Protein backbone atom coordinates (compact mmCIF):
# COMPACT_ATOMS: atom_id res chain seq x y z
CA MET A 1 -10.39 4.70 29.68
CA GLU A 2 -7.89 3.80 32.37
CA ARG A 3 -4.35 2.68 31.37
CA GLN A 4 -5.01 -0.86 32.28
CA ALA A 5 -8.13 -1.07 30.17
CA ILE A 6 -6.35 0.66 27.26
CA ASN A 7 -3.56 -1.96 27.53
CA GLN A 8 -6.07 -4.78 27.48
CA LEU A 9 -7.84 -3.37 24.44
CA ASN A 10 -4.76 -2.79 22.51
CA LYS A 11 -3.62 -6.38 23.31
CA LEU A 12 -6.96 -7.77 22.18
CA VAL A 13 -6.81 -5.74 19.01
CA GLU A 14 -3.40 -7.01 18.27
CA GLU A 15 -4.35 -10.67 18.88
CA ALA A 16 -7.56 -10.15 16.68
CA LEU A 17 -5.22 -9.06 13.79
CA VAL A 18 -2.94 -12.11 14.39
CA ILE A 19 -5.96 -14.31 14.19
CA LEU A 20 -7.44 -12.78 11.02
CA GLY A 21 -4.14 -12.98 9.28
CA ALA A 22 -3.62 -16.58 10.30
CA LEU A 23 -7.07 -17.33 9.01
CA GLY A 24 -6.15 -15.88 5.53
CA VAL A 25 -7.41 -12.28 5.57
CA PRO A 26 -4.83 -10.14 3.58
CA LEU A 27 -3.60 -7.32 5.78
CA ASN A 28 -0.34 -6.19 4.14
CA GLU A 29 -1.90 -3.51 1.98
CA GLN A 30 -4.23 -2.11 4.77
CA THR A 31 -3.55 1.12 6.55
CA GLU A 32 -3.11 0.88 10.23
CA ARG A 33 -6.32 2.68 10.89
CA ARG A 34 -8.17 0.30 8.42
CA LYS A 35 -6.72 -2.77 10.34
CA GLN A 36 -7.77 -1.32 13.75
CA ARG A 37 -11.27 -0.83 12.44
CA MET A 38 -11.35 -4.24 10.88
CA ALA A 39 -10.13 -5.89 14.08
CA LYS A 40 -12.66 -4.07 16.19
CA ALA A 41 -15.55 -4.87 14.05
CA PHE A 42 -14.48 -8.54 14.02
CA LEU A 43 -14.28 -8.35 17.82
CA ALA A 44 -17.85 -6.95 18.09
CA VAL A 45 -19.27 -9.75 15.84
CA ALA A 46 -17.25 -12.24 18.04
CA GLY A 47 -18.74 -10.65 21.24
CA MET A 48 -15.32 -10.02 22.60
CA LYS A 49 -14.29 -7.11 24.76
CA PRO A 50 -11.17 -6.40 27.04
CA GLY A 51 -11.09 -8.91 29.86
CA ASN A 52 -12.49 -11.82 27.71
CA SER A 53 -10.65 -14.88 26.90
CA TRP A 54 -10.79 -16.27 23.31
CA ALA A 55 -12.52 -19.34 24.63
CA GLU A 56 -15.50 -17.16 25.24
CA VAL A 57 -15.88 -16.13 21.54
CA GLN A 58 -19.49 -16.05 20.26
CA ASN A 59 -20.93 -17.16 16.96
CA ASN A 60 -24.03 -17.83 14.86
CA ASP A 61 -24.64 -21.11 16.72
CA THR A 62 -24.64 -19.28 20.09
CA GLY A 63 -27.12 -16.71 18.69
CA HIS A 64 -24.70 -13.71 18.78
CA ARG A 65 -25.74 -11.66 15.73
CA LEU A 66 -25.45 -8.01 15.13
CA VAL A 67 -26.58 -5.64 12.44
CA SER A 68 -24.27 -2.86 11.23
CA ARG A 69 -25.53 -0.15 13.65
CA GLN A 70 -25.16 -2.66 16.59
CA ILE A 71 -21.68 -3.43 15.60
CA LEU A 72 -20.82 0.25 15.50
CA ARG A 73 -22.37 0.83 18.94
CA TYR A 74 -20.56 -2.15 20.34
CA MET A 75 -17.20 -0.73 18.99
CA ASN A 76 -18.09 2.71 20.77
CA GLU A 77 -19.09 1.13 24.06
CA TYR A 78 -16.52 -1.59 24.64
CA LEU A 79 -13.77 -1.06 22.12
CA GLY A 80 -12.57 2.51 22.46
CA GLU A 81 -14.21 4.07 19.35
CA ASP A 82 -16.26 7.31 18.93
CA ILE A 83 -17.65 6.64 15.47
CA ALA A 84 -20.93 8.59 14.35
CA ASP A 85 -23.99 6.52 14.06
CA SER A 86 -24.35 7.70 10.46
CA SER A 87 -21.15 5.86 9.48
CA TYR A 88 -22.79 2.38 9.98
CA ASP A 89 -22.61 1.52 6.23
CA ASP A 90 -18.70 1.58 6.59
CA ILE A 91 -19.05 -1.71 8.46
CA ARG A 92 -20.32 -3.49 5.50
CA ARG A 93 -18.35 -1.59 2.82
CA LYS A 94 -15.04 -1.48 4.46
CA ASP A 95 -14.64 -2.84 8.03
CA LEU A 96 -15.97 -6.43 7.45
CA LEU A 97 -15.51 -6.69 3.79
CA LEU A 98 -12.40 -8.80 3.98
CA PRO A 99 -13.37 -11.03 6.81
CA VAL A 100 -16.67 -11.66 5.22
CA THR A 101 -15.08 -12.39 1.87
CA ALA A 102 -12.68 -14.75 3.58
CA GLY A 103 -15.68 -16.69 5.06
CA ILE A 104 -14.82 -16.00 8.76
CA ILE A 105 -17.98 -13.81 9.25
CA LEU A 106 -21.38 -14.57 7.90
CA LYS A 107 -22.85 -11.49 6.40
CA SER A 108 -26.56 -12.82 6.55
CA ALA A 109 -26.45 -14.98 9.56
CA THR A 110 -30.30 -15.46 9.60
CA ASN A 111 -31.08 -14.85 5.91
CA PRO A 112 -28.45 -15.87 3.35
CA ASP A 113 -30.56 -14.51 0.56
CA ALA A 114 -30.93 -10.98 2.06
CA ASN A 115 -29.97 -8.07 -0.24
CA THR A 116 -26.46 -6.79 0.16
CA ASN A 117 -27.75 -3.32 1.05
CA ASP A 118 -30.32 -4.66 3.58
CA GLY A 119 -29.23 -3.07 6.83
CA THR A 120 -31.29 -5.39 8.90
CA ARG A 121 -29.28 -8.50 7.96
CA PRO A 122 -27.12 -9.48 11.01
CA TYR A 123 -23.48 -10.59 10.98
CA ALA A 124 -22.23 -13.45 12.96
CA LEU A 125 -18.98 -15.45 13.27
CA SER A 126 -18.81 -18.58 11.41
CA PRO A 127 -19.10 -21.57 13.76
CA LYS A 128 -16.32 -23.22 11.95
CA ALA A 129 -14.01 -20.26 12.28
CA ALA A 130 -15.14 -19.86 15.92
CA LYS A 131 -14.08 -23.34 16.84
CA GLN A 132 -10.56 -22.48 15.62
CA ILE A 133 -10.51 -19.08 17.26
CA LYS A 134 -11.35 -20.57 20.67
CA LEU A 135 -7.90 -22.35 20.56
CA PHE A 136 -5.95 -19.11 20.07
CA GLY A 137 -3.19 -19.04 22.74
CA SER A 138 -3.34 -22.62 23.57
CA SER A 139 -0.90 -25.43 22.63
CA ASP A 140 -3.65 -26.96 20.14
CA TRP A 141 -3.65 -23.72 18.11
CA ASN A 142 -0.98 -24.35 15.51
CA ILE A 143 -1.87 -28.05 14.86
CA SER A 144 -5.56 -27.23 14.62
CA LEU A 145 -4.83 -24.21 12.30
CA LYS A 146 -3.10 -26.48 9.76
CA GLN A 147 -6.12 -28.73 9.72
CA PHE A 148 -8.41 -25.78 9.44
CA LEU A 149 -6.55 -24.49 6.39
CA ALA A 150 -5.74 -27.70 4.75
CA GLY A 151 -7.08 -28.10 1.18
CA GLN A 152 -8.23 -24.49 0.78
CA LYS A 153 -6.70 -21.41 -0.67
CA THR A 154 -7.11 -18.44 1.61
CA LEU A 155 -8.18 -15.03 0.58
CA ALA A 156 -4.67 -13.77 1.07
CA GLN A 157 -3.26 -16.52 -1.26
CA GLN A 158 -5.97 -15.68 -3.79
CA PHE A 159 -5.04 -11.95 -3.69
CA GLN A 160 -1.28 -12.80 -3.94
CA ARG A 161 -1.95 -15.06 -7.00
CA GLU A 162 -3.97 -12.22 -8.71
CA ARG A 163 -1.20 -9.82 -8.04
CA ASP A 164 1.51 -12.09 -9.25
CA LEU A 165 -0.46 -12.77 -12.54
CA ALA A 166 -1.04 -9.07 -13.11
CA ARG A 167 2.57 -7.94 -12.38
CA ILE A 168 4.21 -5.82 -15.04
CA PRO A 169 7.74 -7.22 -15.93
CA VAL A 170 10.78 -4.88 -16.40
CA LYS A 171 14.33 -5.58 -16.98
CA ILE A 172 16.74 -2.98 -15.75
CA HIS A 173 20.23 -2.21 -17.12
CA ASN A 174 22.09 -5.15 -15.42
CA GLY A 175 19.63 -7.78 -16.54
CA LYS A 176 17.75 -8.00 -13.33
CA LYS A 177 14.10 -8.61 -13.73
CA LEU A 178 11.54 -6.44 -11.85
CA LEU A 179 7.93 -7.28 -11.32
CA PHE A 180 5.74 -4.14 -10.80
CA SER A 181 2.21 -4.34 -9.38
CA PRO A 182 -0.35 -3.21 -11.79
CA GLY A 183 -1.54 0.34 -12.10
CA PRO A 184 -1.04 3.49 -14.23
CA HIS A 185 1.59 4.92 -12.03
CA ASN A 186 3.72 1.80 -12.30
CA GLN A 187 3.15 1.48 -15.94
CA LEU A 188 4.61 4.94 -16.33
CA GLN A 189 7.64 3.90 -14.36
CA LYS A 190 8.04 0.96 -16.66
CA GLN A 191 8.00 3.34 -19.66
CA ILE A 192 10.61 5.59 -17.92
CA ILE A 193 13.03 2.53 -17.59
CA GLU A 194 12.21 1.03 -20.91
CA GLN A 195 11.98 4.14 -23.15
CA PHE A 196 13.18 7.35 -21.44
CA LEU A 197 16.45 5.96 -20.18
CA PRO A 198 17.47 4.17 -23.45
CA LEU A 199 16.73 7.30 -25.34
CA TYR A 200 18.28 10.02 -23.06
CA GLY A 201 20.07 8.40 -20.23
CA PHE A 202 23.50 7.88 -21.92
CA GLY A 203 23.68 4.37 -20.72
CA ALA A 204 22.19 5.15 -17.41
CA GLU A 205 21.75 2.24 -14.89
CA VAL A 206 18.72 2.21 -12.63
CA LEU A 207 19.88 2.46 -8.99
CA TYR A 208 16.53 2.73 -7.40
CA VAL A 209 12.85 2.35 -8.31
CA GLY A 210 9.84 2.01 -6.06
CA ASP A 211 6.50 0.53 -6.54
CA THR A 212 2.95 1.31 -5.06
CA SER A 213 2.99 -1.86 -3.14
CA ASP A 214 6.73 -2.16 -2.47
CA LYS A 215 8.46 1.12 -1.89
CA PHE A 216 12.00 -0.44 -2.37
CA LEU A 217 11.19 -2.71 -5.26
CA PHE A 218 14.88 -2.29 -6.36
CA ILE A 219 17.74 -0.38 -4.77
CA ASN A 220 21.49 -0.51 -5.36
CA GLU A 221 22.31 1.00 -1.99
CA ASP A 222 26.04 0.55 -2.20
CA GLN A 223 26.38 2.39 -5.45
CA LEU A 224 24.11 5.21 -4.25
CA ARG A 225 26.13 5.70 -1.27
CA GLY A 226 29.33 5.42 -3.14
CA LEU A 227 28.23 8.29 -5.32
CA GLY A 228 27.41 10.36 -2.32
CA PHE A 229 23.68 9.88 -2.39
CA ILE A 230 23.05 9.56 1.41
CA GLU A 231 19.46 10.16 2.02
CA LEU A 232 17.64 6.87 1.05
CA ALA A 233 14.30 7.13 2.80
CA HIS A 234 11.66 5.97 0.30
CA ASP A 235 9.27 8.78 1.21
CA LYS A 236 12.05 11.35 -0.05
CA LEU A 237 13.40 9.48 -2.96
CA PRO A 238 11.97 10.12 -6.37
CA ASP A 239 10.28 7.46 -8.29
CA VAL A 240 13.23 6.32 -10.34
CA VAL A 241 16.89 7.23 -9.67
CA ALA A 242 19.43 6.26 -12.44
CA TYR A 243 23.22 6.98 -13.08
CA SER A 244 25.01 7.62 -16.33
CA PRO A 245 28.79 6.89 -15.98
CA GLU A 246 29.46 8.20 -19.41
CA LYS A 247 28.17 11.58 -18.41
CA ASN A 248 28.45 11.41 -14.59
CA TRP A 249 24.82 12.44 -14.45
CA MET A 250 22.35 11.26 -11.90
CA PHE A 251 18.73 11.20 -13.29
CA LEU A 252 16.18 12.01 -10.55
CA VAL A 253 12.71 11.14 -12.18
CA GLU A 254 9.20 11.62 -10.79
CA ALA A 255 6.43 9.64 -12.57
CA VAL A 256 3.24 11.76 -12.49
CA HIS A 257 -0.10 9.96 -13.12
CA SER A 258 -2.28 12.17 -11.05
CA ALA A 259 -0.10 14.46 -8.73
CA ASN A 260 3.39 15.61 -7.61
CA PRO A 261 5.38 16.97 -10.56
CA ILE A 262 8.90 18.42 -9.73
CA ASN A 263 7.79 21.80 -8.70
CA GLU A 264 9.97 24.56 -7.04
CA LEU A 265 9.60 23.12 -3.64
CA ARG A 266 10.08 19.40 -4.70
CA ARG A 267 13.18 20.52 -6.54
CA LEU A 268 14.64 22.20 -3.41
CA VAL A 269 14.02 19.06 -1.41
CA LEU A 270 15.84 16.90 -4.02
CA GLU A 271 18.67 19.35 -4.39
CA GLU A 272 19.04 19.28 -0.55
CA MET A 273 19.06 15.40 -0.22
CA SER A 274 21.49 15.07 -3.25
CA GLN A 275 23.89 17.98 -2.23
CA ASP A 276 26.83 15.55 -1.44
CA CYS A 277 26.33 13.58 -4.69
CA LYS A 278 29.42 13.33 -6.74
CA ALA A 279 27.45 13.32 -9.93
CA ASP A 280 25.58 16.21 -11.60
CA ILE A 281 21.86 16.09 -11.17
CA VAL A 282 19.26 15.92 -13.85
CA TYR A 283 15.59 16.53 -12.67
CA VAL A 284 12.85 15.00 -14.83
CA THR A 285 9.11 14.79 -14.61
CA ALA A 286 7.43 12.06 -16.59
CA PHE A 287 3.78 12.23 -17.73
CA PRO A 288 1.81 9.58 -19.44
CA ASP A 289 0.29 11.86 -21.98
CA ARG A 290 0.00 15.58 -22.93
CA SER A 291 -3.55 15.97 -21.34
CA THR A 292 -2.02 15.10 -17.94
CA PHE A 293 0.97 17.41 -18.56
CA ARG A 294 -1.40 20.23 -19.31
CA LYS A 295 -3.00 19.84 -15.82
CA HIS A 296 0.40 20.27 -14.16
CA VAL A 297 2.40 22.55 -16.60
CA LYS A 298 2.06 25.55 -14.37
CA ASP A 299 3.72 23.76 -11.42
CA VAL A 300 6.75 22.38 -13.16
CA ALA A 301 10.10 23.87 -11.86
CA TRP A 302 12.44 25.80 -14.03
CA GLU A 303 15.75 24.11 -14.74
CA THR A 304 13.93 20.68 -14.97
CA GLU A 305 13.03 18.36 -17.87
CA VAL A 306 9.71 17.04 -18.93
CA TRP A 307 9.17 13.75 -20.75
CA ILE A 308 5.75 12.57 -22.16
CA ALA A 309 5.46 8.91 -22.62
CA ASP A 310 3.04 9.00 -25.54
CA ALA A 311 5.61 11.15 -27.44
CA PRO A 312 8.75 9.45 -26.23
CA GLU A 313 11.24 10.90 -28.70
CA HIS A 314 10.59 14.54 -27.52
CA LEU A 315 11.67 16.48 -24.37
CA ILE A 316 10.27 19.71 -22.98
CA HIS A 317 13.11 21.79 -21.51
CA PHE A 318 12.09 24.14 -18.71
CA ASN A 319 14.99 26.27 -19.01
CA GLY A 320 16.36 28.93 -21.35
CA ASP A 321 19.97 28.61 -22.11
CA LYS A 322 20.64 24.83 -22.74
CA PHE A 323 19.09 21.49 -23.63
CA LEU A 324 19.12 18.27 -21.48
CA GLY A 325 21.78 18.33 -18.76
CA PRO A 326 22.51 19.32 -15.26
CA TYR A 327 22.81 22.79 -13.80
CA SER A 328 25.51 23.80 -11.46
CA LYS A 329 24.38 24.74 -7.98
CA SER A 330 25.43 28.39 -8.59
CA ASN A 331 23.13 28.76 -11.36
């Protein structure tokens, strides 16, 4: 594609995502690639390609209806994709799942009673949604959007309510209440804060904890930097960081539900990122149960600790000369 065409396509995809988000499609937890695919599948169903204006959008009333294979081919021909024809089922299962659930796209435009797996049922843009979308970029968009959304709960709002209802509450040392999103990994982090640290933390205060949907659920950046912990990128930090003033120990804890215990490489990375820390470092890998521990035991680094949540009053010491505590860098 020529540069101008690429720029037009990128702009069209960005606008499509703005429209989908405005109409209540939840986008925050989608990967960039998934959002791109969703936007392009939506554009295909709407009959949009680079050079079109949103006033030209097509819908079920105008007769623009495409089955999954046609959507895929449209994306390949007009929207810069090169997707194998055999991947047509991803249109239904992934690319259009949220716009269809949100009511923006009709999944069986000519036969509402068609079977979900019927590859011959065509998709079309809802006429009601199309009427709103045609106004995108005009002075009437915002006013009309309020009217369009009035009295209804969008899919994004429904998802947010479900997440809020399912949040796992945790109180950290200073009384602040955290709300984790649900899931086994976050449940294990909750156990680290509520069980491991009270048992073995010597009054340790949580300075950082992430979440699968919020990588910086809580961070005391000032105190971390004050202790010389300079590297604060969430992709490098362990799951839980806590500090014991009594011992001057910094606990770096990884929660392992399915992968990534503190192995020798991870220990080296953590050691490097904490090399200027004024506290002594204690490395801990936490597992939910012994069966999970057994899967990873061969990878656990020496001079680290293992805590298993279903036996909270016991520790496994991967060392030979001492119990829980830091090692000097010379060891």
